Amino acid sequence: MRDDIITTPAYNHFSVCFEHSCEKVVTLSLSQAEWQKVTSPLSVPLSSPASERDAIAATVSNMEAMVGLRTGTDQDKAGNLSGFGLPGQMDCIDESTNTTTYLTMLVETDLLKHHTIMDRSTRFGWLSLPHTSAVIRETGTDRRFAVDSWFYDNGQAPAIVDLTLWKSGWYPPAANNE
């Protein structure tokens, strides 16, 4: 990992990377009001891990949208090819790094009750390029889930899918298989 990526992020001091494989890294901050706005899906008691995963997806979507306006990544396209050559694009390294940052901030502010963060995971396909995703673990069951925002344009909710299925080469039905 690059040494300019903040490894102990907080909502008022965190890094975001983009331009493929974290070529560009910027440091950002959110006000407490902005943080409360983006994390509002997690502000209500969530009774199950599945409902928390839905709220995580909405929160990551909110973070991407707010951060995108500040970094010029608001026009990031799904996958690698649809936005190739345009400024502010992200590959799976950028997406998984940023999502892991956002998830870490959620843990540090005690907003996750049913999940913890794991190290990112990379899958290697027989006929495809390696692909990396952020990962969460469901407490109590040890089930792991990929939290993968690379499949969708900036600000859309990431796919959260069982890690074993994701590692087998899973793509969402409407995803751009790039």
N, C-alpha and C. Protein backbone atom coordinates (compact mmCIF):
# COMPACT_ATOMS: atom_id res chain seq x y z
N MET A 1 0.85 -1.18 0.00
CA MET A 1 0.00 0.00 0.00
C MET A 1 0.89 1.24 0.00
N ARG A 2 0.44 2.25 -0.69
CA ARG A 2 1.18 3.51 -0.77
C ARG A 2 1.26 4.15 0.61
N ASP A 3 2.33 4.89 0.84
CA ASP A 3 2.48 5.51 2.15
C ASP A 3 1.67 6.79 2.31
N ASP A 4 1.05 7.30 1.23
CA ASP A 4 0.22 8.50 1.37
C ASP A 4 -1.26 8.17 1.56
N ILE A 5 -1.59 6.90 1.65
CA ILE A 5 -2.96 6.49 1.95
C ILE A 5 -3.10 6.40 3.46
N ILE A 6 -4.05 7.11 4.00
CA ILE A 6 -4.25 7.17 5.45
C ILE A 6 -4.81 5.83 5.91
N THR A 7 -4.07 5.16 6.80
CA THR A 7 -4.46 3.82 7.24
C THR A 7 -5.32 3.85 8.51
N THR A 8 -5.43 4.99 9.16
CA THR A 8 -6.32 5.15 10.31
C THR A 8 -7.26 6.31 10.00
N PRO A 9 -8.16 6.10 9.03
CA PRO A 9 -9.02 7.20 8.60
C PRO A 9 -10.10 7.55 9.61
N ALA A 10 -10.49 8.79 9.58
CA ALA A 10 -11.63 9.29 10.34
C ALA A 10 -12.42 10.17 9.38
N TYR A 11 -13.69 10.39 9.67
CA TYR A 11 -14.51 11.16 8.73
C TYR A 11 -13.96 12.56 8.49
N ASN A 12 -13.18 13.08 9.44
CA ASN A 12 -12.63 14.42 9.25
C ASN A 12 -11.18 14.41 8.76
N HIS A 13 -10.68 13.21 8.37
CA HIS A 13 -9.31 13.11 7.83
C HIS A 13 -9.11 11.72 7.21
N PHE A 14 -9.31 11.64 5.90
CA PHE A 14 -9.18 10.35 5.22
C PHE A 14 -8.66 10.58 3.80
N SER A 15 -8.19 9.52 3.18
CA SER A 15 -7.69 9.63 1.81
C SER A 15 -8.59 8.87 0.86
N VAL A 16 -8.57 9.32 -0.39
CA VAL A 16 -9.30 8.69 -1.48
C VAL A 16 -8.33 8.59 -2.64
N CYS A 17 -8.34 7.47 -3.34
CA CYS A 17 -7.44 7.33 -4.49
C CYS A 17 -8.24 7.04 -5.76
N PHE A 18 -7.64 7.39 -6.89
CA PHE A 18 -8.27 7.20 -8.19
C PHE A 18 -7.23 7.29 -9.29
N GLU A 19 -7.68 7.26 -10.53
CA GLU A 19 -6.83 7.28 -11.73
C GLU A 19 -6.11 5.95 -11.96
N HIS A 20 -6.67 4.85 -11.51
CA HIS A 20 -6.18 3.48 -11.71
C HIS A 20 -4.98 3.17 -10.82
N SER A 21 -5.17 2.17 -10.00
CA SER A 21 -4.16 1.67 -9.06
C SER A 21 -3.63 2.75 -8.13
N CYS A 22 -4.53 3.63 -7.72
CA CYS A 22 -4.21 4.70 -6.75
C CYS A 22 -3.09 5.61 -7.25
N GLU A 23 -3.12 5.89 -8.54
CA GLU A 23 -2.13 6.80 -9.13
C GLU A 23 -2.22 8.18 -8.47
N LYS A 24 -3.43 8.62 -8.16
CA LYS A 24 -3.64 9.91 -7.51
C LYS A 24 -4.31 9.67 -6.16
N VAL A 25 -3.78 10.32 -5.12
CA VAL A 25 -4.34 10.21 -3.77
C VAL A 25 -4.57 11.61 -3.24
N VAL A 26 -5.76 11.86 -2.71
CA VAL A 26 -6.07 13.15 -2.10
C VAL A 26 -6.57 12.91 -0.67
N THR A 27 -6.35 13.89 0.18
CA THR A 27 -6.84 13.85 1.55
C THR A 27 -8.07 14.73 1.64
N LEU A 28 -9.11 14.19 2.26
CA LEU A 28 -10.38 14.89 2.39
C LEU A 28 -10.85 14.89 3.83
N SER A 29 -11.89 15.68 4.08
CA SER A 29 -12.56 15.64 5.37
C SER A 29 -14.03 15.95 5.16
N LEU A 30 -14.84 15.40 6.03
CA LEU A 30 -16.26 15.70 6.07
C LEU A 30 -16.56 16.36 7.40
N SER A 31 -17.52 17.25 7.41
CA SER A 31 -17.99 17.81 8.66
C SER A 31 -18.81 16.74 9.37
N GLN A 32 -19.10 16.96 10.64
CA GLN A 32 -19.93 16.02 11.37
C GLN A 32 -21.32 15.92 10.74
N ALA A 33 -21.85 17.04 10.28
CA ALA A 33 -23.18 17.02 9.63
C ALA A 33 -23.14 16.22 8.33
N GLU A 34 -22.08 16.38 7.54
CA GLU A 34 -21.95 15.60 6.30
C GLU A 34 -21.83 14.12 6.61
N TRP A 35 -21.03 13.79 7.62
CA TRP A 35 -20.87 12.38 8.01
C TRP A 35 -22.21 11.80 8.44
N GLN A 36 -22.97 12.53 9.23
CA GLN A 36 -24.28 12.04 9.66
C GLN A 36 -25.21 11.85 8.46
N LYS A 37 -25.11 12.73 7.49
CA LYS A 37 -25.96 12.60 6.30
C LYS A 37 -25.61 11.34 5.51
N VAL A 38 -24.32 11.11 5.24
CA VAL A 38 -23.96 9.95 4.42
C VAL A 38 -24.18 8.64 5.16
N THR A 39 -24.09 8.67 6.48
CA THR A 39 -24.25 7.43 7.26
C THR A 39 -25.67 7.24 7.78
N SER A 40 -26.60 8.07 7.35
CA SER A 40 -27.97 7.98 7.86
C SER A 40 -28.60 6.58 7.70
N PRO A 41 -28.28 5.80 6.65
CA PRO A 41 -28.86 4.45 6.58
C PRO A 41 -28.48 3.56 7.76
N LEU A 42 -27.35 3.88 8.42
CA LEU A 42 -26.90 3.08 9.55
C LEU A 42 -27.28 3.70 10.90
N SER A 43 -28.00 4.80 10.88
CA SER A 43 -28.30 5.51 12.13
C SER A 43 -29.49 4.94 12.89
N VAL A 44 -30.24 4.08 12.24
CA VAL A 44 -31.37 3.43 12.91
C VAL A 44 -30.95 2.02 13.34
N PRO A 45 -31.51 1.50 14.40
CA PRO A 45 -31.15 0.13 14.80
C PRO A 45 -31.50 -0.87 13.69
N LEU A 46 -30.55 -1.69 13.34
CA LEU A 46 -30.75 -2.70 12.30
C LEU A 46 -30.70 -4.07 12.98
N SER A 47 -31.76 -4.83 12.83
CA SER A 47 -31.93 -6.06 13.61
C SER A 47 -31.22 -7.27 13.03
N SER A 48 -30.75 -7.18 11.79
CA SER A 48 -30.14 -8.37 11.20
C SER A 48 -28.90 -8.01 10.39
N PRO A 49 -28.00 -8.95 10.20
CA PRO A 49 -26.84 -8.70 9.35
C PRO A 49 -27.25 -8.33 7.91
N ALA A 50 -28.31 -8.95 7.40
CA ALA A 50 -28.74 -8.65 6.04
C ALA A 50 -29.20 -7.19 5.93
N SER A 51 -29.95 -6.71 6.91
CA SER A 51 -30.39 -5.31 6.85
C SER A 51 -29.19 -4.37 7.01
N GLU A 52 -28.20 -4.78 7.79
CA GLU A 52 -27.00 -3.95 7.91
C GLU A 52 -26.23 -3.92 6.59
N ARG A 53 -26.17 -5.03 5.88
CA ARG A 53 -25.49 -5.03 4.58
C ARG A 53 -26.19 -4.09 3.61
N ASP A 54 -27.50 -4.06 3.63
CA ASP A 54 -28.25 -3.12 2.78
C ASP A 54 -27.89 -1.68 3.15
N ALA A 55 -27.81 -1.42 4.45
CA ALA A 55 -27.46 -0.07 4.91
C ALA A 55 -26.01 0.27 4.57
N ILE A 56 -25.11 -0.71 4.63
CA ILE A 56 -23.72 -0.50 4.23
C ILE A 56 -23.67 -0.11 2.75
N ALA A 57 -24.41 -0.82 1.92
CA ALA A 57 -24.44 -0.51 0.48
C ALA A 57 -24.91 0.93 0.24
N ALA A 58 -25.97 1.32 0.93
CA ALA A 58 -26.49 2.69 0.77
C ALA A 58 -25.48 3.72 1.27
N THR A 59 -24.81 3.42 2.36
CA THR A 59 -23.82 4.36 2.92
C THR A 59 -22.62 4.50 2.00
N VAL A 60 -22.10 3.40 1.47
CA VAL A 60 -20.98 3.48 0.52
C VAL A 60 -21.40 4.28 -0.70
N SER A 61 -22.61 4.07 -1.18
CA SER A 61 -23.14 4.84 -2.30
C SER A 61 -23.15 6.33 -1.97
N ASN A 62 -23.63 6.68 -0.79
CA ASN A 62 -23.66 8.08 -0.36
C ASN A 62 -22.25 8.67 -0.28
N MET A 63 -21.32 7.90 0.26
CA MET A 63 -19.93 8.37 0.37
C MET A 63 -19.34 8.62 -1.01
N GLU A 64 -19.54 7.67 -1.92
CA GLU A 64 -19.01 7.83 -3.28
C GLU A 64 -19.57 9.09 -3.93
N ALA A 65 -20.85 9.34 -3.77
CA ALA A 65 -21.46 10.51 -4.38
C ALA A 65 -20.88 11.80 -3.81
N MET A 66 -20.77 11.88 -2.49
CA MET A 66 -20.25 13.10 -1.87
C MET A 66 -18.78 13.30 -2.19
N VAL A 67 -18.00 12.24 -2.06
CA VAL A 67 -16.57 12.31 -2.35
C VAL A 67 -16.34 12.60 -3.83
N GLY A 68 -17.15 12.01 -4.68
CA GLY A 68 -17.00 12.20 -6.12
C GLY A 68 -17.06 13.66 -6.53
N LEU A 69 -17.96 14.41 -5.92
CA LEU A 69 -18.08 15.83 -6.25
C LEU A 69 -16.83 16.61 -5.86
N ARG A 70 -16.12 16.15 -4.86
CA ARG A 70 -14.91 16.85 -4.39
C ARG A 70 -13.64 16.42 -5.11
N THR A 71 -13.66 15.25 -5.68
CA THR A 71 -12.44 14.71 -6.30
C THR A 71 -12.51 14.65 -7.82
N GLY A 72 -13.67 14.91 -8.38
CA GLY A 72 -13.82 14.74 -9.83
C GLY A 72 -14.06 13.31 -10.24
N THR A 73 -14.35 12.44 -9.28
CA THR A 73 -14.64 11.04 -9.60
C THR A 73 -16.14 10.78 -9.72
N ASP A 74 -16.92 11.84 -9.69
CA ASP A 74 -18.38 11.69 -9.77
C ASP A 74 -18.84 11.14 -11.11
N GLN A 75 -17.99 11.18 -12.12
CA GLN A 75 -18.33 10.63 -13.42
C GLN A 75 -17.68 9.27 -13.68
N ASP A 76 -17.12 8.66 -12.62
CA ASP A 76 -16.49 7.34 -12.75
C ASP A 76 -17.51 6.34 -13.30
N LYS A 77 -17.08 5.62 -14.32
CA LYS A 77 -17.94 4.62 -14.96
C LYS A 77 -17.64 3.23 -14.43
N ALA A 78 -18.61 2.36 -14.53
CA ALA A 78 -18.45 0.98 -14.09
C ALA A 78 -17.32 0.30 -14.84
N GLY A 79 -16.65 -0.62 -14.16
CA GLY A 79 -15.59 -1.39 -14.80
C GLY A 79 -14.40 -0.54 -15.18
N ASN A 80 -13.66 -1.00 -16.17
CA ASN A 80 -12.46 -0.29 -16.61
C ASN A 80 -12.58 0.31 -18.00
N LEU A 81 -13.37 -0.31 -18.86
CA LEU A 81 -13.36 0.11 -20.26
C LEU A 81 -14.30 1.26 -20.59
N SER A 82 -15.46 1.32 -19.94
CA SER A 82 -16.46 2.31 -20.34
C SER A 82 -15.99 3.75 -20.10
N GLY A 83 -15.12 3.98 -19.14
CA GLY A 83 -14.62 5.33 -18.90
C GLY A 83 -13.14 5.47 -19.19
N PHE A 84 -12.57 4.49 -19.90
CA PHE A 84 -11.13 4.48 -20.12
C PHE A 84 -10.64 5.79 -20.75
N GLY A 85 -9.62 6.35 -20.14
CA GLY A 85 -9.02 7.57 -20.66
C GLY A 85 -9.65 8.85 -20.13
N LEU A 86 -10.81 8.74 -19.49
CA LEU A 86 -11.46 9.92 -18.92
C LEU A 86 -10.87 10.20 -17.54
N PRO A 87 -10.80 11.47 -17.14
CA PRO A 87 -10.27 11.79 -15.81
C PRO A 87 -11.20 11.29 -14.71
N GLY A 88 -10.62 10.99 -13.56
CA GLY A 88 -11.41 10.61 -12.39
C GLY A 88 -11.93 9.20 -12.40
N GLN A 89 -11.37 8.34 -13.25
CA GLN A 89 -11.85 6.96 -13.32
C GLN A 89 -11.15 6.10 -12.27
N MET A 90 -11.82 5.01 -11.91
CA MET A 90 -11.29 4.10 -10.89
C MET A 90 -11.31 2.67 -11.38
N ASP A 91 -10.25 1.96 -11.05
CA ASP A 91 -10.23 0.52 -11.29
C ASP A 91 -10.56 -0.19 -9.97
N CYS A 92 -10.46 -1.49 -9.94
CA CYS A 92 -10.85 -2.22 -8.73
C CYS A 92 -9.90 -1.96 -7.57
N ILE A 93 -8.66 -1.60 -7.84
CA ILE A 93 -7.73 -1.27 -6.75
C ILE A 93 -8.19 0.01 -6.07
N ASP A 94 -8.51 1.04 -6.87
CA ASP A 94 -9.03 2.28 -6.31
C ASP A 94 -10.32 2.04 -5.53
N GLU A 95 -11.25 1.35 -6.17
CA GLU A 95 -12.57 1.12 -5.56
C GLU A 95 -12.45 0.33 -4.26
N SER A 96 -11.66 -0.73 -4.25
CA SER A 96 -11.56 -1.56 -3.04
C SER A 96 -10.81 -0.82 -1.93
N THR A 97 -9.82 -0.03 -2.30
CA THR A 97 -9.10 0.77 -1.30
C THR A 97 -10.03 1.79 -0.67
N ASN A 98 -10.77 2.53 -1.49
CA ASN A 98 -11.68 3.55 -0.97
C ASN A 98 -12.80 2.94 -0.15
N THR A 99 -13.38 1.85 -0.63
CA THR A 99 -14.46 1.20 0.12
C THR A 99 -13.96 0.71 1.46
N THR A 100 -12.75 0.16 1.49
CA THR A 100 -12.17 -0.28 2.77
C THR A 100 -11.98 0.91 3.70
N THR A 101 -11.57 2.04 3.16
CA THR A 101 -11.45 3.27 3.97
C THR A 101 -12.81 3.64 4.57
N TYR A 102 -13.84 3.66 3.74
CA TYR A 102 -15.18 4.02 4.23
C TYR A 102 -15.66 3.04 5.30
N LEU A 103 -15.44 1.76 5.07
CA LEU A 103 -15.85 0.75 6.05
C LEU A 103 -15.09 0.92 7.36
N THR A 104 -13.81 1.23 7.27
CA THR A 104 -13.01 1.46 8.47
C THR A 104 -13.57 2.63 9.26
N MET A 105 -13.97 3.69 8.57
CA MET A 105 -14.56 4.84 9.24
C MET A 105 -15.87 4.45 9.93
N LEU A 106 -16.63 3.57 9.33
CA LEU A 106 -17.88 3.11 9.95
C LEU A 106 -17.60 2.32 11.22
N VAL A 107 -16.57 1.49 11.19
CA VAL A 107 -16.20 0.72 12.38
C VAL A 107 -15.71 1.67 13.47
N GLU A 108 -14.87 2.61 13.09
CA GLU A 108 -14.29 3.53 14.08
C GLU A 108 -15.33 4.42 14.74
N THR A 109 -16.45 4.65 14.08
CA THR A 109 -17.53 5.44 14.68
C THR A 109 -18.63 4.55 15.25
N ASP A 110 -18.33 3.25 15.36
CA ASP A 110 -19.22 2.28 15.99
C ASP A 110 -20.58 2.16 15.31
N LEU A 111 -20.59 2.30 13.98
CA LEU A 111 -21.85 2.21 13.25
C LEU A 111 -22.16 0.80 12.76
N LEU A 112 -21.17 -0.08 12.76
CA LEU A 112 -21.42 -1.47 12.34
C LEU A 112 -21.59 -2.34 13.57
N LYS A 113 -22.71 -3.02 13.65
CA LYS A 113 -23.02 -3.89 14.78
C LYS A 113 -22.93 -5.37 14.43
N HIS A 114 -23.12 -5.69 13.13
CA HIS A 114 -23.19 -7.09 12.71
C HIS A 114 -22.01 -7.51 11.83
N HIS A 115 -21.06 -6.60 11.57
CA HIS A 115 -19.95 -6.91 10.66
C HIS A 115 -18.65 -6.28 11.14
N THR A 116 -17.56 -6.91 10.73
CA THR A 116 -16.22 -6.34 10.89
C THR A 116 -15.57 -6.27 9.51
N ILE A 117 -14.48 -5.58 9.43
CA ILE A 117 -13.76 -5.43 8.15
C ILE A 117 -12.65 -6.47 8.08
N MET A 118 -12.46 -6.99 6.89
CA MET A 118 -11.37 -7.92 6.63
C MET A 118 -10.42 -7.26 5.62
N ASP A 119 -9.28 -7.91 5.39
CA ASP A 119 -8.39 -7.44 4.34
C ASP A 119 -9.08 -7.59 2.99
N ARG A 120 -8.70 -6.76 2.05
CA ARG A 120 -9.24 -6.89 0.70
C ARG A 120 -8.92 -8.28 0.15
N SER A 121 -9.70 -8.71 -0.82
CA SER A 121 -9.51 -10.02 -1.43
C SER A 121 -9.37 -9.86 -2.94
N THR A 122 -8.52 -10.69 -3.53
CA THR A 122 -8.32 -10.67 -4.98
C THR A 122 -8.65 -12.05 -5.54
N ARG A 123 -9.39 -12.04 -6.61
CA ARG A 123 -9.70 -13.30 -7.30
C ARG A 123 -8.91 -13.33 -8.60
N PHE A 124 -8.59 -14.53 -9.00
CA PHE A 124 -7.83 -14.73 -10.23
C PHE A 124 -8.63 -15.68 -11.11
N GLY A 125 -9.05 -15.20 -12.26
CA GLY A 125 -9.83 -16.02 -13.17
C GLY A 125 -8.95 -16.69 -14.21
N TRP A 126 -9.43 -17.80 -14.70
CA TRP A 126 -8.69 -18.53 -15.72
C TRP A 126 -8.55 -17.71 -16.99
N LEU A 127 -9.62 -17.03 -17.41
CA LEU A 127 -9.57 -16.23 -18.62
C LEU A 127 -9.77 -14.74 -18.36
N SER A 128 -9.68 -14.32 -17.12
CA SER A 128 -9.90 -12.91 -16.81
C SER A 128 -8.76 -12.35 -15.98
N LEU A 129 -8.72 -11.03 -15.93
CA LEU A 129 -7.70 -10.35 -15.14
C LEU A 129 -8.01 -10.49 -13.66
N PRO A 130 -7.01 -10.34 -12.79
CA PRO A 130 -7.29 -10.33 -11.35
C PRO A 130 -8.28 -9.21 -11.02
N HIS A 131 -9.05 -9.41 -9.97
CA HIS A 131 -10.04 -8.42 -9.55
C HIS A 131 -10.06 -8.39 -8.03
N THR A 132 -10.07 -7.17 -7.45
CA THR A 132 -9.96 -6.99 -6.00
C THR A 132 -11.19 -6.29 -5.45
N SER A 133 -11.59 -6.69 -4.23
CA SER A 133 -12.76 -6.12 -3.57
C SER A 133 -12.50 -5.92 -2.08
N ALA A 134 -13.22 -4.96 -1.50
CA ALA A 134 -13.27 -4.84 -0.05
C ALA A 134 -14.05 -6.03 0.49
N VAL A 135 -13.83 -6.36 1.77
CA VAL A 135 -14.48 -7.54 2.36
C VAL A 135 -14.94 -7.21 3.78
N ILE A 136 -16.13 -7.69 4.11
CA ILE A 136 -16.64 -7.62 5.48
C ILE A 136 -16.92 -9.04 5.96
N ARG A 137 -16.91 -9.20 7.29
CA ARG A 137 -17.21 -10.49 7.90
C ARG A 137 -18.40 -10.32 8.83
N GLU A 138 -19.37 -11.18 8.68
CA GLU A 138 -20.54 -11.17 9.55
C GLU A 138 -20.14 -11.73 10.91
N THR A 139 -20.37 -10.96 11.96
CA THR A 139 -20.02 -11.44 13.30
C THR A 139 -20.98 -12.55 13.70
N GLY A 140 -20.45 -13.51 14.40
CA GLY A 140 -21.28 -14.63 14.85
C GLY A 140 -21.27 -15.80 13.89
N THR A 141 -21.24 -15.56 12.59
CA THR A 141 -21.28 -16.67 11.63
C THR A 141 -19.96 -16.84 10.89
N ASP A 142 -19.14 -15.81 10.87
CA ASP A 142 -17.87 -15.80 10.14
C ASP A 142 -18.05 -15.79 8.62
N ARG A 143 -19.29 -15.59 8.13
CA ARG A 143 -19.51 -15.47 6.69
C ARG A 143 -18.85 -14.20 6.20
N ARG A 144 -18.22 -14.28 5.06
CA ARG A 144 -17.53 -13.13 4.48
C ARG A 144 -18.22 -12.71 3.20
N PHE A 145 -18.21 -11.40 2.97
CA PHE A 145 -18.89 -10.82 1.81
C PHE A 145 -17.97 -9.82 1.12
N ALA A 146 -17.93 -9.91 -0.20
CA ALA A 146 -17.27 -8.88 -1.00
C ALA A 146 -18.19 -7.67 -1.02
N VAL A 147 -17.60 -6.49 -0.91
CA VAL A 147 -18.32 -5.22 -1.04
C VAL A 147 -17.68 -4.55 -2.25
N ASP A 148 -18.29 -4.74 -3.41
CA ASP A 148 -17.63 -4.43 -4.67
C ASP A 148 -18.36 -3.32 -5.44
N SER A 149 -17.80 -2.13 -5.41
CA SER A 149 -18.41 -0.98 -6.10
C SER A 149 -17.89 -0.82 -7.53
N TRP A 150 -16.93 -1.60 -7.94
CA TRP A 150 -16.34 -1.50 -9.28
C TRP A 150 -17.35 -1.83 -10.38
N PHE A 151 -18.34 -2.65 -10.08
CA PHE A 151 -19.30 -3.07 -11.09
C PHE A 151 -20.24 -1.97 -11.56
N TYR A 152 -20.32 -0.87 -10.81
CA TYR A 152 -21.32 0.16 -11.08
C TYR A 152 -20.70 1.56 -11.16
N ASP A 153 -21.41 2.47 -11.80
CA ASP A 153 -20.98 3.87 -11.88
C ASP A 153 -20.91 4.48 -10.48
N ASN A 154 -20.16 5.56 -10.37
CA ASN A 154 -20.01 6.27 -9.10
C ASN A 154 -21.37 6.58 -8.48
N GLY A 155 -21.46 6.36 -7.18
CA GLY A 155 -22.67 6.71 -6.44
C GLY A 155 -23.76 5.67 -6.44
N GLN A 156 -23.57 4.60 -7.21
CA GLN A 156 -24.55 3.51 -7.17
C GLN A 156 -24.13 2.53 -6.07
N ALA A 157 -25.08 1.86 -5.48
CA ALA A 157 -24.78 0.94 -4.38
C ALA A 157 -23.89 -0.19 -4.86
N PRO A 158 -22.89 -0.54 -4.05
CA PRO A 158 -22.01 -1.65 -4.43
C PRO A 158 -22.73 -2.99 -4.32
N ALA A 159 -22.22 -3.96 -5.03
CA ALA A 159 -22.69 -5.33 -4.86
C ALA A 159 -22.11 -5.85 -3.56
N ILE A 160 -22.93 -6.48 -2.74
CA ILE A 160 -22.44 -7.16 -1.54
C ILE A 160 -22.88 -8.60 -1.69
N VAL A 161 -21.89 -9.46 -1.89
CA VAL A 161 -22.17 -10.85 -2.25
C VAL A 161 -21.24 -11.78 -1.48
N ASP A 162 -21.74 -12.98 -1.17
CA ASP A 162 -20.94 -13.97 -0.47
C ASP A 162 -19.56 -14.08 -1.12
N LEU A 163 -18.51 -14.02 -0.31
CA LEU A 163 -17.14 -13.98 -0.84
C LEU A 163 -16.79 -15.22 -1.65
N THR A 164 -17.25 -16.39 -1.23
CA THR A 164 -16.96 -17.61 -1.98
C THR A 164 -17.56 -17.53 -3.38
N LEU A 165 -18.80 -17.06 -3.47
CA LEU A 165 -19.43 -16.90 -4.78
C LEU A 165 -18.68 -15.86 -5.60
N TRP A 166 -18.34 -14.72 -5.00
CA TRP A 166 -17.61 -13.66 -5.69
C TRP A 166 -16.28 -14.18 -6.23
N LYS A 167 -15.55 -14.95 -5.40
CA LYS A 167 -14.25 -15.47 -5.81
C LYS A 167 -14.38 -16.47 -6.97
N SER A 168 -15.56 -17.05 -7.15
CA SER A 168 -15.77 -18.00 -8.24
C SER A 168 -15.91 -17.30 -9.59
N GLY A 169 -15.91 -15.97 -9.58
CA GLY A 169 -16.03 -15.21 -10.82
C GLY A 169 -17.35 -14.50 -10.99
N TRP A 170 -18.14 -14.42 -9.94
CA TRP A 170 -19.46 -13.80 -9.98
C TRP A 170 -19.42 -12.38 -10.53
N TYR A 171 -20.40 -12.08 -11.37
CA TYR A 171 -20.68 -10.72 -11.84
C TYR A 171 -22.17 -10.48 -11.67
N PRO A 172 -22.58 -9.26 -11.32
CA PRO A 172 -24.02 -9.00 -11.28
C PRO A 172 -24.60 -9.16 -12.69
N PRO A 173 -25.84 -9.58 -12.81
CA PRO A 173 -26.44 -9.84 -14.12
C PRO A 173 -26.32 -8.68 -15.11
N ALA A 174 -26.46 -7.46 -14.66
CA ALA A 174 -26.42 -6.31 -15.58
C ALA A 174 -25.06 -5.65 -15.64
N ALA A 175 -24.04 -6.25 -15.03
CA ALA A 175 -22.72 -5.61 -14.97
C ALA A 175 -22.00 -5.68 -16.30
N ASN A 176 -21.17 -4.69 -16.47
CA ASN A 176 -20.29 -4.60 -17.61
C ASN A 176 -19.10 -5.50 -17.35
N ASN A 177 -19.00 -6.63 -17.99
CA ASN A 177 -17.93 -7.61 -17.72
C ASN A 177 -16.63 -7.17 -18.37
N GLU A 178 -15.98 -6.22 -17.74
CA GLU A 178 -14.70 -5.71 -18.27
C GLU A 178 -13.59 -6.13 -17.37
